Amino acid sequence: MASENLSSVHRALDVLRVLGQGPMGVQEVAQAVGREKTQVSRTLKVLAQEGFLERDPRGLRYRIGWQLLALAASAGEDRLQHEAPPVLRELVHQVGEPAYLTVLSGHGVVTVLTERTSRALQAHEWVGRTSPLNCTSAGRALLFGLPDEQVETLLVTGEGARLPGTDAAPRDVPALLERLRTERARGYAVAAEEMEPGLIAVAAPVHDHRGDVIAALNVSAPVFRLPPDAVPRVVDAVVAAAHRLSARLNGAGPETA
């Protein structure tokens, strides 16, 4: 009985791995996992009943369900919270300015982790607060992985209304998309006195194992402490830190990240 139960577990795991590649019918799944169709069909039905799979009523193809997606999202958030602090600390040590981890939240960006310095004058504390997407370096970095159509949906405003920020920021959707095209190509975003006068910030995206942008790392400072000639050094440090965090999330240890 124990051997039979263990075999069922292995079969279910094989099925989930295969369907992670995309929707399939029963026969396709059976061929992919190399098992009998009747066995696979029973496994698919049980997984669908528990919410781990969904079945398209028209095409009769199975795909990953809400329950598995919810577990994956929870695990990803936990991993992000666990792996980010040492990367943030190292980044602060390199640049001498506060560093932040941010994620997309609705139509804005929210800071979830921060690493501070001992400097008396620092940027405002934004942990747990929502900031605009268009006029913050982290906000734009989080938009790197989204198609223009989705960006437009997130930034929709009333007729004639302008996006938030100073005159240095992209204040309408066409201007934002143009800025994003440049920043996507170089892999980082810089917001110089765009959200408020006197503040400059640099951000780079963090990617998961599929290459999707799931967070952003950013450093912010008063402009008098981060003049134009110092920005390239901070950019290099932020981009490298984002790459290290992405590598850690994708299974590379600290020594290989």
Protein backbone atom coordinates (compact mmCIF):
# COMPACT_ATOMS: atom_id res chain seq x y z
CA MET A 1 0.00 0.00 0.00
CA ALA A 2 2.83 2.39 0.92
CA SER A 3 4.56 1.63 -2.38
CA GLU A 4 1.35 2.29 -4.29
CA ASN A 5 0.80 5.61 -2.50
CA LEU A 6 4.38 6.67 -3.21
CA SER A 7 3.92 5.81 -6.87
CA SER A 8 0.79 7.98 -6.98
CA VAL A 9 2.73 10.89 -5.51
CA HIS A 10 5.49 10.51 -8.09
CA ARG A 11 2.89 10.33 -10.86
CA ALA A 12 1.23 13.53 -9.63
CA LEU A 13 4.57 15.34 -9.49
CA ASP A 14 5.44 14.18 -13.01
CA VAL A 15 2.09 15.46 -14.26
CA LEU A 16 2.57 18.87 -12.60
CA ARG A 17 6.07 19.23 -14.07
CA VAL A 18 4.80 18.48 -17.56
CA LEU A 19 1.85 20.86 -17.32
CA GLY A 20 4.23 23.58 -16.17
CA GLN A 21 5.26 23.72 -19.84
CA GLY A 22 1.71 24.61 -20.94
CA PRO A 23 -1.85 23.22 -21.30
CA MET A 24 -2.24 19.63 -22.51
CA GLY A 25 -4.90 17.00 -23.02
CA VAL A 26 -4.96 13.66 -21.20
CA GLN A 27 -3.29 11.74 -24.02
CA GLU A 28 -0.55 14.35 -24.39
CA VAL A 29 0.20 14.25 -20.66
CA ALA A 30 0.25 10.43 -20.64
CA GLN A 31 2.74 10.38 -23.51
CA ALA A 32 4.90 13.06 -21.91
CA VAL A 33 5.19 11.24 -18.57
CA GLY A 34 5.32 7.77 -20.10
CA ARG A 35 2.41 6.32 -18.12
CA GLU A 36 -0.91 4.67 -18.88
CA LYS A 37 -3.68 7.02 -19.94
CA THR A 38 -6.15 5.69 -17.34
CA GLN A 39 -3.68 6.29 -14.51
CA VAL A 40 -2.90 9.78 -15.73
CA SER A 41 -6.58 10.58 -16.19
CA ARG A 42 -7.31 9.68 -12.55
CA THR A 43 -4.37 11.77 -11.38
CA LEU A 44 -5.50 14.75 -13.44
CA LYS A 45 -9.03 14.56 -12.02
CA VAL A 46 -7.79 14.46 -8.41
CA LEU A 47 -5.42 17.37 -8.95
CA ALA A 48 -8.21 19.37 -10.60
CA GLN A 49 -10.62 18.62 -7.72
CA GLU A 50 -8.05 19.99 -5.27
CA GLY A 51 -7.46 23.16 -7.30
CA PHE A 52 -3.93 22.30 -8.43
CA LEU A 53 -5.11 22.00 -12.03
CA GLU A 54 -7.90 23.50 -14.14
CA ARG A 55 -9.64 21.93 -17.12
CA ASP A 56 -10.81 23.95 -20.08
CA PRO A 57 -14.44 22.80 -20.63
CA ARG A 58 -14.21 23.47 -24.36
CA GLY A 59 -10.76 22.23 -25.34
CA LEU A 60 -10.65 19.65 -22.51
CA ARG A 61 -7.02 20.55 -21.85
CA TYR A 62 -5.57 20.78 -18.37
CA ARG A 63 -3.45 23.66 -17.10
CA ILE A 64 -1.89 24.75 -13.79
CA GLY A 65 -4.60 25.83 -11.33
CA TRP A 66 -5.07 28.59 -8.77
CA GLN A 67 -3.98 26.51 -5.78
CA LEU A 68 -0.56 25.74 -7.21
CA LEU A 69 -0.13 29.32 -8.40
CA ALA A 70 -0.99 30.60 -4.93
CA LEU A 71 1.57 28.29 -3.34
CA ALA A 72 4.21 29.34 -5.86
CA ALA A 73 3.51 33.03 -5.25
CA SER A 74 3.75 32.55 -1.50
CA ALA A 75 7.01 30.64 -1.81
CA GLY A 76 8.40 33.30 -4.14
CA GLU A 77 7.56 36.09 -1.70
CA ASP A 78 9.13 34.18 1.20
CA ARG A 79 12.28 33.51 -0.84
CA LEU A 80 12.50 37.16 -1.84
CA GLN A 81 12.20 38.33 1.77
CA HIS A 82 14.85 35.81 2.84
CA GLU A 83 17.41 36.41 0.09
CA ALA A 84 17.17 40.19 -0.27
CA PRO A 85 18.55 41.49 3.10
CA PRO A 86 22.20 40.43 2.63
CA VAL A 87 22.17 41.82 -0.91
CA LEU A 88 20.74 45.12 0.34
CA ARG A 89 23.35 45.31 3.11
CA GLU A 90 26.19 44.75 0.66
CA LEU A 91 24.76 47.38 -1.68
CA VAL A 92 24.54 49.95 1.15
CA HIS A 93 28.14 49.15 2.11
CA GLN A 94 29.24 49.80 -1.48
CA VAL A 95 27.40 53.05 -2.14
CA GLY A 96 26.92 54.50 1.34
CA GLU A 97 23.26 55.33 0.71
CA PRO A 98 19.95 53.63 1.66
CA ALA A 99 18.83 50.71 -0.49
CA TYR A 100 15.29 49.44 -1.00
CA LEU A 101 13.45 46.40 -2.32
CA THR A 102 10.17 47.26 -4.05
CA VAL A 103 7.36 45.35 -5.71
CA LEU A 104 4.45 46.21 -7.96
CA SER A 105 1.21 46.78 -6.03
CA GLY A 106 -1.90 47.62 -8.01
CA HIS A 107 -1.26 50.86 -9.89
CA GLY A 108 1.80 51.79 -7.85
CA VAL A 109 4.99 50.52 -6.26
CA VAL A 110 5.40 49.59 -2.60
CA THR A 111 8.68 49.29 -0.69
CA VAL A 112 8.83 46.04 1.29
CA LEU A 113 12.39 46.07 2.64
CA THR A 114 15.01 48.71 3.32
CA GLU A 115 18.58 48.88 4.53
CA ARG A 116 19.55 52.19 6.08
CA THR A 117 22.84 53.98 6.68
CA SER A 118 23.95 56.04 9.66
CA ARG A 119 23.70 59.29 7.72
CA ALA A 120 21.51 61.90 9.41
CA LEU A 121 19.99 63.20 6.17
CA GLN A 122 18.30 60.43 4.20
CA ALA A 123 15.40 60.00 1.80
CA HIS A 124 11.91 59.71 3.25
CA GLU A 125 10.98 56.33 4.72
CA TRP A 126 8.72 54.61 2.19
CA VAL A 127 8.41 51.08 3.61
CA GLY A 128 4.79 49.99 3.32
CA ARG A 129 3.76 53.10 1.41
CA THR A 130 2.75 53.24 -2.23
CA SER A 131 4.64 55.44 -4.69
CA PRO A 132 3.91 56.33 -8.34
CA LEU A 133 5.18 54.21 -11.19
CA ASN A 134 6.01 56.90 -13.72
CA CYS A 135 8.24 59.23 -11.69
CA THR A 136 10.22 56.75 -9.55
CA SER A 137 13.19 54.71 -10.68
CA ALA A 138 11.82 51.59 -8.96
CA GLY A 139 8.40 52.08 -10.52
CA ARG A 140 9.78 52.22 -14.03
CA ALA A 141 12.16 49.29 -13.41
CA LEU A 142 9.14 47.20 -12.37
CA LEU A 143 7.49 48.04 -15.70
CA PHE A 144 10.41 46.73 -17.77
CA GLY A 145 8.87 43.28 -18.20
CA LEU A 146 5.37 44.43 -19.11
CA PRO A 147 4.10 45.03 -22.67
CA ASP A 148 3.21 48.63 -23.53
CA GLU A 149 -0.50 47.80 -23.54
CA GLN A 150 -0.37 46.66 -19.93
CA VAL A 151 1.65 49.71 -18.94
CA GLU A 152 -1.03 51.91 -20.48
CA THR A 153 -3.70 50.10 -18.47
CA LEU A 154 -1.79 50.60 -15.23
CA LEU A 155 -1.21 54.29 -15.93
CA VAL A 156 -4.67 55.16 -17.23
CA THR A 157 -5.83 58.63 -16.11
CA GLY A 158 -8.87 60.78 -16.65
CA GLU A 159 -9.11 62.78 -19.86
CA GLY A 160 -6.59 65.62 -19.78
CA ALA A 161 -5.14 64.48 -16.43
CA ARG A 162 -1.37 64.33 -16.06
CA LEU A 163 0.66 61.71 -14.25
CA PRO A 164 2.28 62.71 -10.92
CA GLY A 165 5.76 64.09 -10.49
CA THR A 166 7.83 67.15 -11.33
CA ASP A 167 8.40 68.55 -14.80
CA ALA A 168 11.48 66.32 -15.07
CA ALA A 169 9.26 63.19 -15.03
CA PRO A 170 7.29 61.67 -17.91
CA ARG A 171 3.86 63.11 -17.16
CA ASP A 172 1.77 61.28 -19.77
CA VAL A 173 1.68 57.72 -21.12
CA PRO A 174 3.46 58.39 -24.48
CA ALA A 175 6.32 60.13 -22.66
CA LEU A 176 6.53 57.27 -20.17
CA LEU A 177 6.64 54.63 -22.90
CA GLU A 178 9.41 56.54 -24.66
CA ARG A 179 11.41 56.72 -21.43
CA LEU A 180 10.84 53.00 -20.81
CA ARG A 181 12.15 52.07 -24.25
CA THR A 182 15.46 53.74 -23.42
CA GLU A 183 15.67 52.37 -19.88
CA ARG A 184 14.71 48.83 -20.85
CA ALA A 185 17.53 48.78 -23.39
CA ARG A 186 20.15 49.77 -20.83
CA GLY A 187 18.70 47.68 -17.97
CA TYR A 188 18.25 50.33 -15.28
CA ALA A 189 16.26 53.47 -14.49
CA VAL A 190 17.39 56.81 -13.08
CA ALA A 191 14.91 59.32 -11.65
CA ALA A 192 16.62 62.66 -11.03
CA GLU A 193 14.36 65.05 -9.11
CA GLU A 194 11.29 63.52 -10.75
CA MET A 195 9.22 62.62 -7.71
CA GLU A 196 10.37 65.54 -5.62
CA PRO A 197 13.09 68.21 -5.96
CA GLY A 198 16.46 67.37 -4.47
CA LEU A 199 16.13 63.57 -4.65
CA ILE A 200 17.76 61.17 -7.11
CA ALA A 201 17.26 57.41 -7.32
CA VAL A 202 18.65 54.50 -9.34
CA ALA A 203 16.85 51.15 -9.78
CA ALA A 204 17.29 47.83 -11.57
CA PRO A 205 14.84 44.92 -11.97
CA VAL A 206 15.03 41.58 -10.17
CA HIS A 207 14.00 38.53 -12.23
CA ASP A 208 12.62 35.11 -11.34
CA HIS A 209 13.58 31.81 -12.99
CA ARG A 210 11.30 32.55 -15.95
CA GLY A 211 12.89 35.93 -16.57
CA ASP A 212 9.85 37.85 -15.28
CA VAL A 213 10.41 41.04 -13.29
CA ILE A 214 9.22 40.36 -9.73
CA ALA A 215 10.88 43.21 -7.81
CA ALA A 216 13.29 46.10 -8.10
CA LEU A 217 16.34 47.18 -6.12
CA ASN A 218 16.93 50.89 -5.79
CA VAL A 219 19.18 53.40 -4.08
CA SER A 220 18.08 56.96 -3.37
CA ALA A 221 19.96 59.98 -2.07
CA PRO A 222 19.91 63.77 -1.99
CA VAL A 223 21.32 65.15 -5.25
CA PHE A 224 24.14 66.99 -3.47
CA ARG A 225 25.47 63.60 -2.28
CA LEU A 226 24.95 61.93 -5.63
CA PRO A 227 26.10 64.39 -8.34
CA PRO A 228 26.10 63.40 -12.05
CA ASP A 229 29.69 62.16 -11.99
CA ALA A 230 28.86 59.74 -9.14
CA VAL A 231 25.76 58.24 -10.78
CA PRO A 232 27.59 55.69 -13.03
CA ARG A 233 29.27 54.10 -9.99
CA VAL A 234 25.92 53.73 -8.22
CA VAL A 235 24.29 52.39 -11.39
CA ASP A 236 26.94 49.68 -11.67
CA ALA A 237 26.46 48.71 -8.02
CA VAL A 238 22.65 48.61 -8.24
CA VAL A 239 22.62 46.58 -11.47
CA ALA A 240 25.14 44.11 -10.04
CA ALA A 241 23.10 43.76 -6.84
CA ALA A 242 19.91 43.10 -8.81
CA HIS A 243 21.74 40.41 -10.78
CA ARG A 244 23.01 38.82 -7.55
CA LEU A 245 19.55 38.76 -6.02
CA SER A 246 18.08 37.28 -9.21
CA ALA A 247 20.76 34.57 -9.15
CA ARG A 248 20.08 33.77 -5.48
CA LEU A 249 16.35 33.48 -6.17
CA ASN A 250 17.08 31.12 -9.03
CA GLY A 251 19.17 28.74 -6.97
CA ALA A 252 22.68 30.13 -7.23
CA GLY A 253 24.40 30.33 -3.85
CA PRO A 254 26.05 33.51 -2.53
CA GLU A 255 29.42 32.30 -3.66
CA THR A 256 28.29 31.83 -7.27
CA ALA A 257 25.86 34.76 -7.50
